[in-house]
Amino acid sequence: MAAVVDAVEIPVIASGGVASVDDVVALKEAGAAAVVVGTALYEGRFTLREAQAAADEV
């Protein structure tokens, strides 16, 4: 993700493969402007509030 963010001058949205709050944090740390978490939320892996709180700590 960091390589893609560094290679372009537009916001990058990460989508796919997010299974945990740790994934959300890692993507934010890598520079993603946003993260799609639909399936993870649907499957109850974490809540939107948990993901937002973790991302806000970065």
PDB file of N, CA and C in Angstrom:
ATOM      1  N   MET A   1       0.810  -1.176   0.000  1.00  0.00           N
ATOM      2  CA  MET A   1       0.000   0.000   0.000  1.00  0.00           C
ATOM      3  C   MET A   1       0.865   1.255   0.000  1.00  0.00           C
ATOM      4  N   ALA A   2       1.907   1.253   0.805  1.00  0.00           N
ATOM      5  CA  ALA A   2       2.769   2.438   0.869  1.00  0.00           C
ATOM      6  C   ALA A   2       3.376   2.752  -0.492  1.00  0.00           C
ATOM      7  N   ALA A   3       3.742   1.729  -1.247  1.00  0.00           N
ATOM      8  CA  ALA A   3       4.322   1.954  -2.576  1.00  0.00           C
ATOM      9  C   ALA A   3       3.310   2.595  -3.515  1.00  0.00           C
ATOM     10  N   VAL A   4       2.070   2.165  -3.450  1.00  0.00           N
ATOM     11  CA  VAL A   4       1.027   2.745  -4.295  1.00  0.00           C
ATOM     12  C   VAL A   4       0.778   4.194  -3.884  1.00  0.00           C
ATOM     13  N   VAL A   5       0.656   4.444  -2.593  1.00  0.00           N
ATOM     14  CA  VAL A   5       0.428   5.800  -2.097  1.00  0.00           C
ATOM     15  C   VAL A   5       1.559   6.725  -2.544  1.00  0.00           C
ATOM     16  N   ASP A   6       2.788   6.231  -2.476  1.00  0.00           N
ATOM     17  CA  ASP A   6       3.940   7.034  -2.885  1.00  0.00           C
ATOM     18  C   ASP A   6       3.997   7.251  -4.393  1.00  0.00           C
ATOM     19  N   ALA A   7       3.407   6.349  -5.158  1.00  0.00           N
ATOM     20  CA  ALA A   7       3.501   6.404  -6.617  1.00  0.00           C
ATOM     21  C   ALA A   7       2.476   7.328  -7.269  1.00  0.00           C
ATOM     22  N   VAL A   8       1.442   7.712  -6.532  1.00  0.00           N
ATOM     23  CA  VAL A   8       0.386   8.525  -7.129  1.00  0.00           C
ATOM     24  C   VAL A   8       0.158   9.798  -6.321  1.00  0.00           C
ATOM     25  N   GLU A   9      -0.531  10.748  -6.937  1.00  0.00           N
ATOM     26  CA  GLU A   9      -0.799  12.009  -6.260  1.00  0.00           C
ATOM     27  C   GLU A   9      -2.279  12.172  -5.916  1.00  0.00           C
ATOM     28  N   ILE A  10      -2.999  11.066  -5.886  1.00  0.00           N
ATOM     29  CA  ILE A  10      -4.416  11.093  -5.542  1.00  0.00           C
ATOM     30  C   ILE A  10      -4.638  10.228  -4.300  1.00  0.00           C
ATOM     31  N   PRO A  11      -5.715  10.448  -3.582  1.00  0.00           N
ATOM     32  CA  PRO A  11      -5.993   9.601  -2.408  1.00  0.00           C
ATOM     33  C   PRO A  11      -6.198   8.141  -2.836  1.00  0.00           C
ATOM     34  N   VAL A  12      -5.670   7.233  -2.053  1.00  0.00           N
ATOM     35  CA  VAL A  12      -5.788   5.804  -2.333  1.00  0.00           C
ATOM     36  C   VAL A  12      -6.747   5.177  -1.323  1.00  0.00           C
ATOM     37  N   ILE A  13      -7.705   4.418  -1.841  1.00  0.00           N
ATOM     38  CA  ILE A  13      -8.671   3.721  -1.002  1.00  0.00           C
ATOM     39  C   ILE A  13      -8.337   2.237  -1.029  1.00  0.00           C
ATOM     40  N   ALA A  14      -8.072   1.667   0.129  1.00  0.00           N
ATOM     41  CA  ALA A  14      -7.749   0.245   0.233  1.00  0.00           C
ATOM     42  C   ALA A  14      -9.040  -0.559   0.283  1.00  0.00           C
ATOM     43  N   SER A  15      -9.090  -1.633  -0.496  1.00  0.00           N
ATOM     44  CA  SER A  15     -10.297  -2.457  -0.532  1.00  0.00           C
ATOM     45  C   SER A  15      -9.913  -3.911  -0.701  1.00  0.00           C
ATOM     46  N   GLY A  16     -10.475  -4.746   0.156  1.00  0.00           N
ATOM     47  CA  GLY A  16     -10.231  -6.181   0.048  1.00  0.00           C
ATOM     48  C   GLY A  16      -9.217  -6.687   1.035  1.00  0.00           C
ATOM     49  N   GLY A  17      -9.534  -7.788   1.662  1.00  0.00           N
ATOM     50  CA  GLY A  17      -8.586  -8.446   2.542  1.00  0.00           C
ATOM     51  C   GLY A  17      -8.525  -7.918   3.959  1.00  0.00           C
ATOM     52  N   VAL A  18      -9.384  -6.977   4.305  1.00  0.00           N
ATOM     53  CA  VAL A  18      -9.376  -6.431   5.666  1.00  0.00           C
ATOM     54  C   VAL A  18     -10.141  -7.400   6.566  1.00  0.00           C
ATOM     55  N   ALA A  19      -9.422  -7.974   7.525  1.00  0.00           N
ATOM     56  CA  ALA A  19     -10.024  -8.984   8.392  1.00  0.00           C
ATOM     57  C   ALA A  19     -10.010  -8.589   9.861  1.00  0.00           C
ATOM     58  N   SER A  20      -9.261  -7.538  10.192  1.00  0.00           N
ATOM     59  CA  SER A  20      -9.149  -7.158  11.600  1.00  0.00           C
ATOM     60  C   SER A  20      -8.913  -5.659  11.723  1.00  0.00           C
ATOM     61  N   VAL A  21      -9.070  -5.163  12.927  1.00  0.00           N
ATOM     62  CA  VAL A  21      -8.776  -3.762  13.200  1.00  0.00           C
ATOM     63  C   VAL A  21      -7.298  -3.489  12.943  1.00  0.00           C
ATOM     64  N   ASP A  22      -6.448  -4.465  13.203  1.00  0.00           N
ATOM     65  CA  ASP A  22      -5.019  -4.297  12.935  1.00  0.00           C
ATOM     66  C   ASP A  22      -4.766  -4.021  11.456  1.00  0.00           C
ATOM     67  N   ASP A  23      -5.547  -4.632  10.585  1.00  0.00           N
ATOM     68  CA  ASP A  23      -5.420  -4.367   9.143  1.00  0.00           C
ATOM     69  C   ASP A  23      -5.776  -2.917   8.833  1.00  0.00           C
ATOM     70  N   VAL A  24      -6.826  -2.420   9.451  1.00  0.00           N
ATOM     71  CA  VAL A  24      -7.238  -1.025   9.248  1.00  0.00           C
ATOM     72  C   VAL A  24      -6.111  -0.088   9.679  1.00  0.00           C
ATOM     73  N   VAL A  25      -5.543  -0.344  10.833  1.00  0.00           N
ATOM     74  CA  VAL A  25      -4.451   0.479  11.354  1.00  0.00           C
ATOM     75  C   VAL A  25      -3.245   0.424  10.418  1.00  0.00           C
ATOM     76  N   ALA A  26      -2.877  -0.768   9.975  1.00  0.00           N
ATOM     77  CA  ALA A  26      -1.722  -0.914   9.089  1.00  0.00           C
ATOM     78  C   ALA A  26      -1.927  -0.154   7.782  1.00  0.00           C
ATOM     79  N   LEU A  27      -3.129  -0.205   7.250  1.00  0.00           N
ATOM     80  CA  LEU A  27      -3.408   0.510   6.004  1.00  0.00           C
ATOM     81  C   LEU A  27      -3.357   2.014   6.210  1.00  0.00           C
ATOM     82  N   LYS A  28      -3.856   2.495   7.324  1.00  0.00           N
ATOM     83  CA  LYS A  28      -3.763   3.926   7.607  1.00  0.00           C
ATOM     84  C   LYS A  28      -2.313   4.341   7.770  1.00  0.00           C
ATOM     85  N   GLU A  29      -1.537   3.524   8.480  1.00  0.00           N
ATOM     86  CA  GLU A  29      -0.113   3.831   8.661  1.00  0.00           C
ATOM     87  C   GLU A  29       0.629   3.847   7.326  1.00  0.00           C
ATOM     88  N   ALA A  30       0.158   3.050   6.371  1.00  0.00           N
ATOM     89  CA  ALA A  30       0.784   2.989   5.048  1.00  0.00           C
ATOM     90  C   ALA A  30       0.343   4.149   4.162  1.00  0.00           C
ATOM     91  N   GLY A  31      -0.632   4.932   4.634  1.00  0.00           N
ATOM     92  CA  GLY A  31      -1.027   6.112   3.895  1.00  0.00           C
ATOM     93  C   GLY A  31      -2.357   6.052   3.180  1.00  0.00           C
ATOM     94  N   ALA A  32      -3.108   4.984   3.366  1.00  0.00           N
ATOM     95  CA  ALA A  32      -4.421   4.887   2.723  1.00  0.00           C
ATOM     96  C   ALA A  32      -5.318   6.024   3.213  1.00  0.00           C
ATOM     97  N   ALA A  33      -6.047   6.628   2.280  1.00  0.00           N
ATOM     98  CA  ALA A  33      -6.972   7.706   2.635  1.00  0.00           C
ATOM     99  C   ALA A  33      -8.261   7.152   3.223  1.00  0.00           C
ATOM    100  N   ALA A  34      -8.594   5.922   2.842  1.00  0.00           N
ATOM    101  CA  ALA A  34      -9.804   5.267   3.331  1.00  0.00           C
ATOM    102  C   ALA A  34      -9.634   3.764   3.188  1.00  0.00           C
ATOM    103  N   VAL A  35     -10.470   3.019   3.909  1.00  0.00           N
ATOM    104  CA  VAL A  35     -10.414   1.557   3.869  1.00  0.00           C
ATOM    105  C   VAL A  35     -11.836   1.020   3.771  1.00  0.00           C
ATOM    106  N   VAL A  36     -12.066   0.116   2.830  1.00  0.00           N
ATOM    107  CA  VAL A  36     -13.366  -0.528   2.697  1.00  0.00           C
ATOM    108  C   VAL A  36     -13.380  -1.742   3.628  1.00  0.00           C
ATOM    109  N   VAL A  37     -14.355  -1.799   4.515  1.00  0.00           N
ATOM    110  CA  VAL A  37     -14.403  -2.868   5.516  1.00  0.00           C
ATOM    111  C   VAL A  37     -15.734  -3.614   5.515  1.00  0.00           C
ATOM    112  N   GLY A  38     -16.444  -3.587   4.423  1.00  0.00           N
ATOM    113  CA  GLY A  38     -17.796  -4.134   4.351  1.00  0.00           C
ATOM    114  C   GLY A  38     -17.954  -5.558   4.844  1.00  0.00           C
ATOM    115  N   THR A  39     -17.202  -6.488   4.290  1.00  0.00           N
ATOM    116  CA  THR A  39     -17.363  -7.890   4.667  1.00  0.00           C
ATOM    117  C   THR A  39     -16.982  -8.125   6.121  1.00  0.00           C
ATOM    118  N   ALA A  40     -15.920  -7.490   6.570  1.00  0.00           N
ATOM    119  CA  ALA A  40     -15.497  -7.658   7.962  1.00  0.00           C
ATOM    120  C   ALA A  40     -16.589  -7.184   8.915  1.00  0.00           C
ATOM    121  N   LEU A  41     -17.247  -6.082   8.572  1.00  0.00           N
ATOM    122  CA  LEU A  41     -18.346  -5.597   9.417  1.00  0.00           C
ATOM    123  C   LEU A  41     -19.526  -6.556   9.356  1.00  0.00           C
ATOM    124  N   TYR A  42     -19.847  -6.997   8.158  1.00  0.00           N
ATOM    125  CA  TYR A  42     -20.967  -7.915   7.962  1.00  0.00           C
ATOM    126  C   TYR A  42     -20.767  -9.211   8.758  1.00  0.00           C
ATOM    127  N   GLU A  43     -19.533  -9.708   8.765  1.00  0.00           N
ATOM    128  CA  GLU A  43     -19.222 -10.954   9.469  1.00  0.00           C
ATOM    129  C   GLU A  43     -19.018 -10.744  10.963  1.00  0.00           C
ATOM    130  N   GLY A  44     -19.075  -9.519  11.432  1.00  0.00           N
ATOM    131  CA  GLY A  44     -18.941  -9.230  12.857  1.00  0.00           C
ATOM    132  C   GLY A  44     -17.534  -9.339  13.396  1.00  0.00           C
ATOM    133  N   ARG A  45     -16.545  -9.204  12.534  1.00  0.00           N
ATOM    134  CA  ARG A  45     -15.142  -9.293  12.998  1.00  0.00           C
ATOM    135  C   ARG A  45     -14.769  -8.140  13.916  1.00  0.00           C
ATOM    136  N   PHE A  46     -15.364  -6.986  13.660  1.00  0.00           N
ATOM    137  CA  PHE A  46     -15.202  -5.807  14.509  1.00  0.00           C
ATOM    138  C   PHE A  46     -16.326  -4.844  14.165  1.00  0.00           C
ATOM    139  N   THR A  47     -16.487  -3.812  14.991  1.00  0.00           N
ATOM    140  CA  THR A  47     -17.519  -2.814  14.707  1.00  0.00           C
ATOM    141  C   THR A  47     -16.877  -1.610  14.023  1.00  0.00           C
ATOM    142  N   LEU A  48     -17.707  -0.802  13.410  1.00  0.00           N
ATOM    143  CA  LEU A  48     -17.203   0.406  12.767  1.00  0.00           C
ATOM    144  C   LEU A  48     -16.578   1.331  13.809  1.00  0.00           C
ATOM    145  N   ARG A  49     -17.193   1.411  14.959  1.00  0.00           N
ATOM    146  CA  ARG A  49     -16.631   2.262  16.020  1.00  0.00           C
ATOM    147  C   ARG A  49     -15.256   1.781  16.468  1.00  0.00           C
ATOM    148  N   GLU A  50     -15.079   0.464  16.564  1.00  0.00           N
ATOM    149  CA  GLU A  50     -13.762  -0.074  16.937  1.00  0.00           C
ATOM    150  C   GLU A  50     -12.723   0.289  15.889  1.00  0.00           C
ATOM    151  N   ALA A  51     -13.089   0.155  14.626  1.00  0.00           N
ATOM    152  CA  ALA A  51     -12.151   0.480  13.538  1.00  0.00           C
ATOM    153  C   ALA A  51     -11.811   1.964  13.547  1.00  0.00           C
ATOM    154  N   GLN A  52     -12.822   2.804  13.723  1.00  0.00           N
ATOM    155  CA  GLN A  52     -12.582   4.248  13.749  1.00  0.00           C
ATOM    156  C   GLN A  52     -11.711   4.639  14.931  1.00  0.00           C
ATOM    157  N   ALA A  53     -11.972   4.078  16.081  1.00  0.00           N
ATOM    158  CA  ALA A  53     -11.194   4.396  17.277  1.00  0.00           C
ATOM    159  C   ALA A  53      -9.730   3.992  17.098  1.00  0.00           C
ATOM    160  N   ALA A  54      -9.499   2.823  16.539  1.00  0.00           N
ATOM    161  CA  ALA A  54      -8.136   2.347  16.330  1.00  0.00           C
ATOM    162  C   ALA A  54      -7.417   3.232  15.304  1.00  0.00           C
ATOM    163  N   ALA A  55      -8.109   3.607  14.238  1.00  0.00           N
ATOM    164  CA  ALA A  55      -7.504   4.449  13.206  1.00  0.00           C
ATOM    165  C   ALA A  55      -7.211   5.843  13.749  1.00  0.00           C
ATOM    166  N   ASP A  56      -8.050   6.344  14.634  1.00  0.00           N
ATOM    167  CA  ASP A  56      -7.841   7.666  15.222  1.00  0.00           C
ATOM    168  C   ASP A  56      -6.600   7.706  16.112  1.00  0.00           C
ATOM    169  N   GLU A  57      -6.199   6.564  16.632  1.00  0.00           N
ATOM    170  CA  GLU A  57      -5.016   6.501  17.508  1.00  0.00           C
ATOM    171  C   GLU A  57      -3.710   6.581  16.729  1.00  0.00           C
ATOM    172  N   VAL A  58      -3.793   6.368  15.406  1.00  0.00           N
ATOM    173  CA  VAL A  58      -2.580   6.383  14.575  1.00  0.00           C
ATOM    174  C   VAL A  58      -2.174   7.797  14.287  1.00  0.00           C
TER     175      VAL A  58
END
